[in-house]
Amino acid sequence: MARTWLSIRVDLVEGHGEHLWPRPGRIFAAARTHTFEQLADAIDDAFARWDRSHLQEFTLDDRTRLCIPDPDWEIEGEKTEDFRGVKLSRLRPGEQFVYVFDLGDDWAHLCTVGPERIDPVETVGILPDRPLPYWGWGDMPDQYRRRWDGDDGESPRPKDPKLSDLPPLRPCWGPEGR
């Protein structure tokens, strides 16, 4: 396969009212024929987004907004396109753009197109049918900043049971394991 795919670095900059440092990130392999909607889905998968019922948008370096157009959200003088049909082929090497998931909690990502095209089989090991991360780093914050199942945002952290709450399916698990 030829070196025809894009490499796109995605850094999570902020969300839920907080700036993240160090910034968690992922690098994606993406064909120029993939859409921005497919890239959004891949980013949301890689950044552990489980509630997908939120608005999202891209802002390109020429200030074009890519989203699902809504006449109630139109801003006069701003160019908006439907991201479900816009191909990644419009991106240039080194170009930077922003992806925001959940316009309320404002999970903002800086996206940077790599300087050179890549061969997906050589870089990822397969020919993916959609954008796919092939490198990453950092801890992913929970979409709603929940720290454990049932977290209400005010309760103290539960006491660590030190594996005693697990079934004895592995050595050291269960009440007799420790």
N, C-alpha and C. Protein backbone atom coordinates (compact mmCIF):
# COMPACT_ATOMS: atom_id res chain seq x y z
N MET A 1 0.85 -1.18 0.00
CA MET A 1 0.00 0.00 0.00
C MET A 1 0.89 1.24 0.00
N ALA A 2 0.46 2.26 -0.67
CA ALA A 2 1.23 3.50 -0.76
C ALA A 2 1.02 4.36 0.49
N ARG A 3 1.88 5.33 0.65
CA ARG A 3 1.80 6.26 1.78
C ARG A 3 0.78 7.35 1.42
N THR A 4 -0.50 7.01 1.56
CA THR A 4 -1.56 7.93 1.15
C THR A 4 -2.45 8.41 2.30
N TRP A 5 -2.29 7.80 3.47
CA TRP A 5 -3.16 8.13 4.60
C TRP A 5 -2.58 9.27 5.41
N LEU A 6 -3.48 9.92 6.15
CA LEU A 6 -3.08 11.00 7.04
C LEU A 6 -2.76 10.44 8.43
N SER A 7 -1.84 11.08 9.10
CA SER A 7 -1.59 10.84 10.51
C SER A 7 -2.08 12.09 11.23
N ILE A 8 -3.00 11.94 12.17
CA ILE A 8 -3.59 13.09 12.85
C ILE A 8 -3.41 12.94 14.36
N ARG A 9 -2.66 13.87 14.93
CA ARG A 9 -2.45 13.89 16.38
C ARG A 9 -3.60 14.65 17.02
N VAL A 10 -4.17 14.09 18.10
CA VAL A 10 -5.29 14.71 18.79
C VAL A 10 -4.94 14.81 20.28
N ASP A 11 -4.84 16.05 20.77
CA ASP A 11 -4.54 16.31 22.18
C ASP A 11 -5.79 16.86 22.86
N LEU A 12 -6.16 16.27 24.00
CA LEU A 12 -7.29 16.78 24.78
C LEU A 12 -6.79 17.95 25.62
N VAL A 13 -7.25 19.15 25.31
CA VAL A 13 -6.75 20.38 25.94
C VAL A 13 -7.56 20.75 27.17
N GLU A 14 -8.88 20.66 27.06
CA GLU A 14 -9.72 21.08 28.18
C GLU A 14 -11.08 20.42 28.10
N GLY A 15 -11.78 20.45 29.22
CA GLY A 15 -13.13 19.94 29.27
C GLY A 15 -13.68 20.00 30.67
N HIS A 16 -14.99 20.12 30.76
CA HIS A 16 -15.68 20.15 32.04
C HIS A 16 -15.14 21.27 32.93
N GLY A 17 -14.73 22.38 32.29
CA GLY A 17 -14.25 23.55 33.03
C GLY A 17 -12.81 23.46 33.51
N GLU A 18 -12.05 22.46 33.06
CA GLU A 18 -10.67 22.30 33.51
C GLU A 18 -9.72 22.22 32.33
N HIS A 19 -8.54 22.81 32.48
CA HIS A 19 -7.46 22.65 31.51
C HIS A 19 -6.67 21.42 31.94
N LEU A 20 -6.34 20.58 30.98
CA LEU A 20 -5.64 19.33 31.29
C LEU A 20 -4.14 19.48 31.02
N TRP A 21 -3.34 19.10 31.99
CA TRP A 21 -1.89 19.07 31.81
C TRP A 21 -1.33 18.00 32.72
N PRO A 22 -0.46 17.14 32.23
CA PRO A 22 -0.14 16.98 30.81
C PRO A 22 -1.37 16.53 30.04
N ARG A 23 -1.39 16.89 28.79
CA ARG A 23 -2.56 16.60 27.95
C ARG A 23 -2.54 15.15 27.45
N PRO A 24 -3.62 14.42 27.68
CA PRO A 24 -3.70 13.08 27.08
C PRO A 24 -3.90 13.20 25.57
N GLY A 25 -3.41 12.23 24.84
CA GLY A 25 -3.55 12.31 23.39
C GLY A 25 -3.52 10.96 22.71
N ARG A 26 -3.87 11.01 21.44
CA ARG A 26 -3.86 9.83 20.58
C ARG A 26 -3.43 10.28 19.18
N ILE A 27 -2.81 9.37 18.45
CA ILE A 27 -2.48 9.63 17.05
C ILE A 27 -3.28 8.64 16.20
N PHE A 28 -3.96 9.17 15.19
CA PHE A 28 -4.86 8.39 14.36
C PHE A 28 -4.32 8.25 12.94
N ALA A 29 -4.56 7.09 12.36
CA ALA A 29 -4.38 6.88 10.93
C ALA A 29 -5.76 7.08 10.30
N ALA A 30 -5.83 7.88 9.24
CA ALA A 30 -7.12 8.16 8.60
C ALA A 30 -6.93 8.33 7.11
N ALA A 31 -7.81 7.70 6.34
CA ALA A 31 -7.78 7.86 4.89
C ALA A 31 -8.37 9.22 4.53
N ARG A 32 -7.91 9.77 3.45
CA ARG A 32 -8.45 11.05 2.99
C ARG A 32 -9.90 10.91 2.56
N THR A 33 -10.37 9.69 2.32
CA THR A 33 -11.77 9.45 1.94
C THR A 33 -12.70 9.35 3.15
N HIS A 34 -12.14 9.23 4.34
CA HIS A 34 -12.97 9.21 5.55
C HIS A 34 -13.57 10.59 5.77
N THR A 35 -14.70 10.62 6.46
CA THR A 35 -15.37 11.89 6.74
C THR A 35 -14.97 12.41 8.13
N PHE A 36 -15.27 13.67 8.36
CA PHE A 36 -15.04 14.25 9.68
C PHE A 36 -15.94 13.58 10.71
N GLU A 37 -17.12 13.13 10.31
CA GLU A 37 -17.98 12.40 11.25
C GLU A 37 -17.29 11.12 11.70
N GLN A 38 -16.65 10.40 10.78
CA GLN A 38 -15.94 9.18 11.14
C GLN A 38 -14.77 9.49 12.06
N LEU A 39 -14.08 10.60 11.81
CA LEU A 39 -12.99 11.00 12.69
C LEU A 39 -13.53 11.33 14.08
N ALA A 40 -14.65 12.03 14.16
CA ALA A 40 -15.27 12.35 15.46
C ALA A 40 -15.60 11.07 16.22
N ASP A 41 -16.19 10.09 15.55
CA ASP A 41 -16.52 8.82 16.20
C ASP A 41 -15.27 8.13 16.72
N ALA A 42 -14.19 8.15 15.93
CA ALA A 42 -12.94 7.51 16.34
C ALA A 42 -12.33 8.23 17.55
N ILE A 43 -12.38 9.55 17.54
CA ILE A 43 -11.87 10.32 18.68
C ILE A 43 -12.69 10.00 19.92
N ASP A 44 -14.01 10.00 19.78
CA ASP A 44 -14.86 9.72 20.93
C ASP A 44 -14.64 8.31 21.48
N ASP A 45 -14.42 7.34 20.61
CA ASP A 45 -14.08 5.98 21.06
C ASP A 45 -12.76 6.00 21.83
N ALA A 46 -11.74 6.61 21.25
CA ALA A 46 -10.40 6.60 21.84
C ALA A 46 -10.32 7.39 23.14
N PHE A 47 -11.20 8.37 23.31
CA PHE A 47 -11.19 9.19 24.52
C PHE A 47 -12.30 8.77 25.49
N ALA A 48 -12.80 7.54 25.31
CA ALA A 48 -13.73 6.89 26.26
C ALA A 48 -15.02 7.66 26.48
N ARG A 49 -15.62 8.15 25.41
CA ARG A 49 -16.91 8.82 25.52
C ARG A 49 -18.00 7.78 25.40
N TRP A 50 -18.83 7.64 26.39
CA TRP A 50 -19.86 6.62 26.39
C TRP A 50 -21.25 7.19 26.23
N ASP A 51 -21.46 8.45 26.52
CA ASP A 51 -22.76 9.09 26.29
C ASP A 51 -22.62 9.96 25.05
N ARG A 52 -23.09 9.45 23.92
CA ARG A 52 -22.88 10.13 22.64
C ARG A 52 -24.03 11.05 22.25
N SER A 53 -24.91 11.36 23.17
CA SER A 53 -26.09 12.17 22.82
C SER A 53 -25.81 13.67 22.93
N HIS A 54 -24.60 14.08 22.57
CA HIS A 54 -24.20 15.47 22.68
C HIS A 54 -23.80 16.04 21.33
N LEU A 55 -23.93 17.35 21.19
CA LEU A 55 -23.49 18.01 19.98
C LEU A 55 -21.98 18.02 19.91
N GLN A 56 -21.48 18.04 18.70
CA GLN A 56 -20.04 18.10 18.49
C GLN A 56 -19.77 18.92 17.24
N GLU A 57 -18.55 19.46 17.16
CA GLU A 57 -18.19 20.24 15.98
C GLU A 57 -16.69 20.32 15.81
N PHE A 58 -16.29 20.55 14.58
CA PHE A 58 -14.91 20.85 14.23
C PHE A 58 -14.86 22.31 13.82
N THR A 59 -13.76 22.98 14.11
CA THR A 59 -13.50 24.31 13.59
C THR A 59 -12.17 24.24 12.87
N LEU A 60 -12.20 24.48 11.55
CA LEU A 60 -10.99 24.41 10.74
C LEU A 60 -10.21 25.72 10.84
N ASP A 61 -8.98 25.72 10.33
CA ASP A 61 -8.14 26.91 10.47
C ASP A 61 -8.67 28.12 9.69
N ASP A 62 -9.55 27.89 8.72
CA ASP A 62 -10.16 29.02 8.02
C ASP A 62 -11.47 29.46 8.68
N ARG A 63 -11.73 28.94 9.90
CA ARG A 63 -12.90 29.25 10.73
C ARG A 63 -14.18 28.57 10.26
N THR A 64 -14.10 27.66 9.29
CA THR A 64 -15.26 26.89 8.87
C THR A 64 -15.65 25.95 9.99
N ARG A 65 -16.93 25.91 10.32
CA ARG A 65 -17.46 24.98 11.32
C ARG A 65 -18.03 23.77 10.60
N LEU A 66 -17.67 22.58 11.09
CA LEU A 66 -18.20 21.34 10.56
C LEU A 66 -18.98 20.67 11.68
N CYS A 67 -20.28 20.44 11.43
CA CYS A 67 -21.16 19.86 12.44
C CYS A 67 -22.42 19.38 11.72
N ILE A 68 -23.42 18.99 12.47
CA ILE A 68 -24.72 18.73 11.87
C ILE A 68 -25.44 20.07 11.87
N PRO A 69 -25.63 20.67 10.71
CA PRO A 69 -26.22 22.01 10.66
C PRO A 69 -27.60 22.07 11.32
N ASP A 70 -27.84 23.17 12.00
CA ASP A 70 -29.11 23.42 12.67
C ASP A 70 -29.43 24.90 12.48
N PRO A 71 -30.56 25.21 11.85
CA PRO A 71 -30.88 26.62 11.60
C PRO A 71 -30.91 27.47 12.88
N ASP A 72 -31.22 26.85 14.01
CA ASP A 72 -31.24 27.59 15.27
C ASP A 72 -29.85 27.92 15.79
N TRP A 73 -28.83 27.25 15.25
CA TRP A 73 -27.46 27.47 15.72
C TRP A 73 -26.62 28.23 14.70
N GLU A 74 -27.22 28.66 13.62
CA GLU A 74 -26.48 29.39 12.60
C GLU A 74 -25.99 30.73 13.15
N ILE A 75 -24.75 31.06 12.88
CA ILE A 75 -24.16 32.33 13.29
C ILE A 75 -23.92 33.14 12.03
N GLU A 76 -24.46 34.34 12.00
CA GLU A 76 -24.37 35.18 10.80
C GLU A 76 -22.91 35.40 10.42
N GLY A 77 -22.62 35.22 9.14
CA GLY A 77 -21.28 35.42 8.61
C GLY A 77 -20.35 34.24 8.82
N GLU A 78 -20.81 33.20 9.48
CA GLU A 78 -19.98 32.03 9.72
C GLU A 78 -20.35 30.92 8.74
N LYS A 79 -19.35 30.28 8.20
CA LYS A 79 -19.57 29.19 7.25
C LYS A 79 -19.68 27.88 8.02
N THR A 80 -20.79 27.17 7.80
CA THR A 80 -21.03 25.88 8.45
C THR A 80 -21.30 24.83 7.38
N GLU A 81 -20.66 23.68 7.53
CA GLU A 81 -20.88 22.56 6.62
C GLU A 81 -21.24 21.32 7.42
N ASP A 82 -21.93 20.39 6.78
CA ASP A 82 -22.35 19.15 7.41
C ASP A 82 -21.16 18.19 7.46
N PHE A 83 -20.70 17.89 8.67
CA PHE A 83 -19.50 17.07 8.82
C PHE A 83 -19.70 15.61 8.42
N ARG A 84 -20.96 15.21 8.20
CA ARG A 84 -21.22 13.83 7.80
C ARG A 84 -20.77 13.56 6.36
N GLY A 85 -20.62 14.61 5.55
CA GLY A 85 -20.23 14.42 4.16
C GLY A 85 -18.90 15.04 3.78
N VAL A 86 -18.27 15.78 4.68
CA VAL A 86 -17.01 16.45 4.36
C VAL A 86 -15.86 15.47 4.58
N LYS A 87 -15.05 15.29 3.54
CA LYS A 87 -13.94 14.34 3.57
C LYS A 87 -12.69 14.96 4.18
N LEU A 88 -11.86 14.10 4.76
CA LEU A 88 -10.60 14.55 5.34
C LEU A 88 -9.60 15.00 4.28
N SER A 89 -9.90 14.75 3.02
CA SER A 89 -9.01 15.16 1.93
C SER A 89 -8.80 16.67 1.88
N ARG A 90 -9.64 17.43 2.54
CA ARG A 90 -9.47 18.89 2.54
C ARG A 90 -8.37 19.34 3.49
N LEU A 91 -7.83 18.43 4.30
CA LEU A 91 -6.77 18.78 5.24
C LEU A 91 -5.40 18.78 4.57
N ARG A 92 -4.54 19.68 5.04
CA ARG A 92 -3.17 19.81 4.52
C ARG A 92 -2.16 19.39 5.58
N PRO A 93 -0.97 18.93 5.17
CA PRO A 93 0.07 18.58 6.14
C PRO A 93 0.35 19.77 7.08
N GLY A 94 0.44 19.48 8.36
CA GLY A 94 0.72 20.51 9.36
C GLY A 94 -0.48 21.33 9.80
N GLU A 95 -1.62 21.18 9.13
CA GLU A 95 -2.80 21.97 9.48
C GLU A 95 -3.29 21.61 10.87
N GLN A 96 -3.76 22.62 11.60
CA GLN A 96 -4.34 22.41 12.92
C GLN A 96 -5.81 22.83 12.90
N PHE A 97 -6.62 22.08 13.65
CA PHE A 97 -8.04 22.38 13.77
C PHE A 97 -8.51 21.89 15.13
N VAL A 98 -9.72 22.26 15.50
CA VAL A 98 -10.25 21.93 16.81
C VAL A 98 -11.46 21.00 16.67
N TYR A 99 -11.54 20.03 17.55
CA TYR A 99 -12.72 19.18 17.68
C TYR A 99 -13.27 19.38 19.08
N VAL A 100 -14.56 19.70 19.18
CA VAL A 100 -15.21 19.85 20.49
C VAL A 100 -16.34 18.83 20.58
N PHE A 101 -16.28 18.02 21.64
CA PHE A 101 -17.34 17.07 21.95
C PHE A 101 -18.13 17.64 23.12
N ASP A 102 -19.44 17.62 23.04
CA ASP A 102 -20.34 18.10 24.09
C ASP A 102 -20.13 19.60 24.28
N LEU A 103 -20.92 20.37 23.55
CA LEU A 103 -20.76 21.82 23.57
C LEU A 103 -21.10 22.43 24.93
N GLY A 104 -21.68 21.64 25.83
CA GLY A 104 -21.93 22.12 27.19
C GLY A 104 -20.70 21.94 28.08
N ASP A 105 -20.16 20.70 28.11
CA ASP A 105 -18.97 20.44 28.91
C ASP A 105 -17.69 20.82 28.18
N ASP A 106 -17.79 21.04 26.87
CA ASP A 106 -16.71 21.64 26.07
C ASP A 106 -15.39 20.85 26.14
N TRP A 107 -15.46 19.56 25.78
CA TRP A 107 -14.24 18.76 25.69
C TRP A 107 -13.53 19.15 24.39
N ALA A 108 -12.53 20.01 24.48
CA ALA A 108 -11.85 20.59 23.31
C ALA A 108 -10.53 19.87 23.04
N HIS A 109 -10.34 19.49 21.78
CA HIS A 109 -9.16 18.76 21.33
C HIS A 109 -8.46 19.57 20.24
N LEU A 110 -7.14 19.69 20.35
CA LEU A 110 -6.35 20.27 19.27
C LEU A 110 -5.90 19.13 18.37
N CYS A 111 -6.24 19.23 17.09
CA CYS A 111 -5.90 18.21 16.11
C CYS A 111 -4.83 18.76 15.17
N THR A 112 -3.80 17.97 14.92
CA THR A 112 -2.71 18.41 14.06
C THR A 112 -2.41 17.33 13.03
N VAL A 113 -2.50 17.69 11.76
CA VAL A 113 -2.19 16.75 10.67
C VAL A 113 -0.68 16.59 10.60
N GLY A 114 -0.23 15.34 10.54
CA GLY A 114 1.20 15.06 10.45
C GLY A 114 1.81 15.63 9.18
N PRO A 115 3.12 15.86 9.19
CA PRO A 115 3.79 16.48 8.05
C PRO A 115 3.89 15.58 6.82
N GLU A 116 3.79 14.26 7.03
CA GLU A 116 3.92 13.32 5.91
C GLU A 116 2.80 12.30 5.95
N ARG A 117 2.44 11.78 4.79
CA ARG A 117 1.43 10.73 4.71
C ARG A 117 2.04 9.41 5.17
N ILE A 118 1.15 8.51 5.59
CA ILE A 118 1.59 7.21 6.10
C ILE A 118 0.96 6.07 5.32
N ASP A 119 1.60 4.92 5.40
CA ASP A 119 1.04 3.68 4.88
C ASP A 119 0.36 3.00 6.07
N PRO A 120 -0.97 2.82 6.04
CA PRO A 120 -1.66 2.28 7.21
C PRO A 120 -1.22 0.87 7.57
N VAL A 121 -0.93 0.04 6.59
CA VAL A 121 -0.51 -1.33 6.88
C VAL A 121 0.84 -1.32 7.57
N GLU A 122 1.74 -0.47 7.12
CA GLU A 122 3.06 -0.35 7.73
C GLU A 122 2.97 0.26 9.13
N THR A 123 2.12 1.27 9.30
CA THR A 123 2.05 2.00 10.56
C THR A 123 1.14 1.34 11.59
N VAL A 124 -0.04 0.87 11.17
CA VAL A 124 -1.03 0.31 12.08
C VAL A 124 -1.00 -1.22 12.11
N GLY A 125 -0.58 -1.83 11.01
CA GLY A 125 -0.55 -3.28 10.92
C GLY A 125 -1.73 -3.87 10.18
N ILE A 126 -2.73 -3.04 9.87
CA ILE A 126 -3.92 -3.47 9.12
C ILE A 126 -4.37 -2.32 8.24
N LEU A 127 -5.35 -2.60 7.38
CA LEU A 127 -5.99 -1.57 6.59
C LEU A 127 -7.36 -1.31 7.22
N PRO A 128 -7.47 -0.33 8.13
CA PRO A 128 -8.74 -0.10 8.84
C PRO A 128 -9.81 0.45 7.91
N ASP A 129 -11.08 0.20 8.26
CA ASP A 129 -12.19 0.71 7.47
C ASP A 129 -12.68 2.08 7.97
N ARG A 130 -12.04 2.58 9.04
CA ARG A 130 -12.38 3.89 9.60
C ARG A 130 -11.12 4.44 10.27
N PRO A 131 -11.10 5.72 10.63
CA PRO A 131 -9.93 6.24 11.36
C PRO A 131 -9.67 5.41 12.62
N LEU A 132 -8.41 5.18 12.90
CA LEU A 132 -8.05 4.29 14.00
C LEU A 132 -6.81 4.82 14.72
N PRO A 133 -6.86 4.87 16.07
CA PRO A 133 -5.66 5.31 16.79
C PRO A 133 -4.57 4.24 16.72
N TYR A 134 -3.32 4.71 16.62
CA TYR A 134 -2.21 3.76 16.62
C TYR A 134 -1.14 4.12 17.64
N TRP A 135 -1.33 5.18 18.37
CA TRP A 135 -0.40 5.55 19.44
C TRP A 135 -1.16 6.42 20.42
N GLY A 136 -0.79 6.39 21.68
CA GLY A 136 -1.48 7.22 22.65
C GLY A 136 -0.77 7.31 23.97
N TRP A 137 -1.23 8.23 24.81
CA TRP A 137 -0.64 8.48 26.12
C TRP A 137 -1.66 9.20 27.00
N GLY A 138 -1.45 9.12 28.29
CA GLY A 138 -2.23 9.88 29.24
C GLY A 138 -3.49 9.20 29.74
N ASP A 139 -3.95 9.68 30.88
CA ASP A 139 -5.18 9.18 31.49
C ASP A 139 -6.38 9.93 30.92
N MET A 140 -7.42 9.18 30.57
CA MET A 140 -8.63 9.78 30.03
C MET A 140 -9.58 10.13 31.16
N PRO A 141 -9.93 11.40 31.30
CA PRO A 141 -10.92 11.75 32.32
C PRO A 141 -12.29 11.23 31.93
N ASP A 142 -13.05 10.82 32.93
CA ASP A 142 -14.41 10.38 32.67
C ASP A 142 -15.21 11.55 32.10
N GLN A 143 -16.08 11.25 31.19
CA GLN A 143 -16.90 12.26 30.52
C GLN A 143 -17.63 13.17 31.50
N TYR A 144 -18.08 12.63 32.61
CA TYR A 144 -18.80 13.41 33.61
C TYR A 144 -17.99 13.59 34.89
N ARG A 145 -16.69 13.25 34.84
CA ARG A 145 -15.77 13.39 35.96
C ARG A 145 -16.15 12.48 37.14
N ARG A 146 -16.81 11.36 36.84
CA ARG A 146 -17.14 10.40 37.88
C ARG A 146 -15.89 9.59 38.20
N ARG A 147 -15.66 9.32 39.46
CA ARG A 147 -14.46 8.61 39.89
C ARG A 147 -14.71 7.14 40.16
N TRP A 148 -15.97 6.75 40.40
CA TRP A 148 -16.35 5.36 40.61
C TRP A 148 -17.84 5.23 40.32
N ASP A 149 -18.32 4.02 40.16
CA ASP A 149 -19.74 3.78 39.91
C ASP A 149 -20.54 4.29 41.11
N GLY A 150 -21.49 5.15 40.85
CA GLY A 150 -22.31 5.72 41.91
C GLY A 150 -21.78 7.02 42.48
N ASP A 151 -20.67 7.54 41.94
CA ASP A 151 -20.10 8.80 42.43
C ASP A 151 -21.11 9.92 42.23
N ASP A 152 -21.41 10.65 43.29
CA ASP A 152 -22.32 11.79 43.18
C ASP A 152 -21.58 13.12 43.17
N GLY A 153 -20.25 13.08 43.15
CA GLY A 153 -19.45 14.29 43.10
C GLY A 153 -19.17 14.91 44.46
N GLU A 154 -19.80 14.39 45.51
CA GLU A 154 -19.62 14.97 46.85
C GLU A 154 -19.15 13.95 47.88
N SER A 155 -19.40 12.69 47.65
CA SER A 155 -19.05 11.66 48.63
C SER A 155 -17.54 11.45 48.67
N PRO A 156 -17.02 11.06 49.84
CA PRO A 156 -15.59 10.72 49.90
C PRO A 156 -15.32 9.43 49.15
N ARG A 157 -14.09 9.27 48.74
CA ARG A 157 -13.68 8.06 48.03
C ARG A 157 -13.95 6.84 48.91
N PRO A 158 -14.54 5.77 48.35
CA PRO A 158 -14.78 4.57 49.16
C PRO A 158 -13.46 3.91 49.57
N LYS A 159 -13.51 3.17 50.66
CA LYS A 159 -12.34 2.45 51.15
C LYS A 159 -11.97 1.35 50.15
N ASP A 160 -10.69 1.20 49.89
CA ASP A 160 -10.19 0.19 48.96
C ASP A 160 -10.26 -1.19 49.62
N PRO A 161 -11.02 -2.13 49.04
CA PRO A 161 -11.13 -3.46 49.65
C PRO A 161 -9.93 -4.36 49.38
N LYS A 162 -8.94 -3.87 48.66
CA LYS A 162 -7.70 -4.63 48.39
C LYS A 162 -7.96 -6.00 47.76
N LEU A 163 -8.83 -6.07 46.78
CA LEU A 163 -9.15 -7.27 46.01
C LEU A 163 -10.04 -8.27 46.74
N SER A 164 -10.40 -8.00 48.00
CA SER A 164 -11.21 -8.97 48.76
C SER A 164 -12.66 -9.01 48.27
N ASP A 165 -13.08 -8.03 47.50
CA ASP A 165 -14.46 -8.00 47.00
C ASP A 165 -14.61 -8.77 45.68
N LEU A 166 -13.53 -9.31 45.15
CA LEU A 166 -13.56 -10.01 43.85
C LEU A 166 -13.78 -11.50 44.04
N PRO A 167 -14.36 -12.14 43.03
CA PRO A 167 -14.49 -13.60 43.10
C PRO A 167 -13.11 -14.24 43.02
N PRO A 168 -12.90 -15.38 43.63
CA PRO A 168 -11.58 -16.01 43.66
C PRO A 168 -11.21 -16.69 42.34
N LEU A 169 -11.22 -15.92 41.28
CA LEU A 169 -10.91 -16.47 39.96
C LEU A 169 -9.43 -16.33 39.61
N ARG A 170 -8.68 -15.60 40.41
CA ARG A 170 -7.24 -15.44 40.22
C ARG A 170 -6.56 -15.52 41.58
N PRO A 171 -5.30 -15.89 41.59
CA PRO A 171 -4.59 -15.87 42.87
C PRO A 171 -4.66 -14.46 43.48
N CYS A 172 -4.84 -14.39 44.73
CA CYS A 172 -4.91 -13.13 45.50
C CYS A 172 -6.27 -12.45 45.41
N TRP A 173 -7.20 -12.96 44.62
CA TRP A 173 -8.54 -12.38 44.59
C TRP A 173 -9.40 -13.06 45.65
N GLY A 174 -10.39 -12.34 46.12
CA GLY A 174 -11.35 -12.89 47.05
C GLY A 174 -10.92 -12.69 48.50
N PRO A 175 -11.81 -13.05 49.42
CA PRO A 175 -11.54 -12.79 50.84
C PRO A 175 -10.34 -13.56 51.39
N GLU A 176 -10.01 -14.70 50.80
CA GLU A 176 -8.89 -15.51 51.30
C GLU A 176 -7.58 -15.17 50.62
N GLY A 177 -7.63 -14.37 49.57
CA GLY A 177 -6.45 -14.11 48.73
C GLY A 177 -5.39 -13.25 49.36
N ARG A 178 -5.72 -12.42 50.28
CA ARG A 178 -4.70 -11.51 50.84
C ARG A 178 -4.52 -11.79 52.27
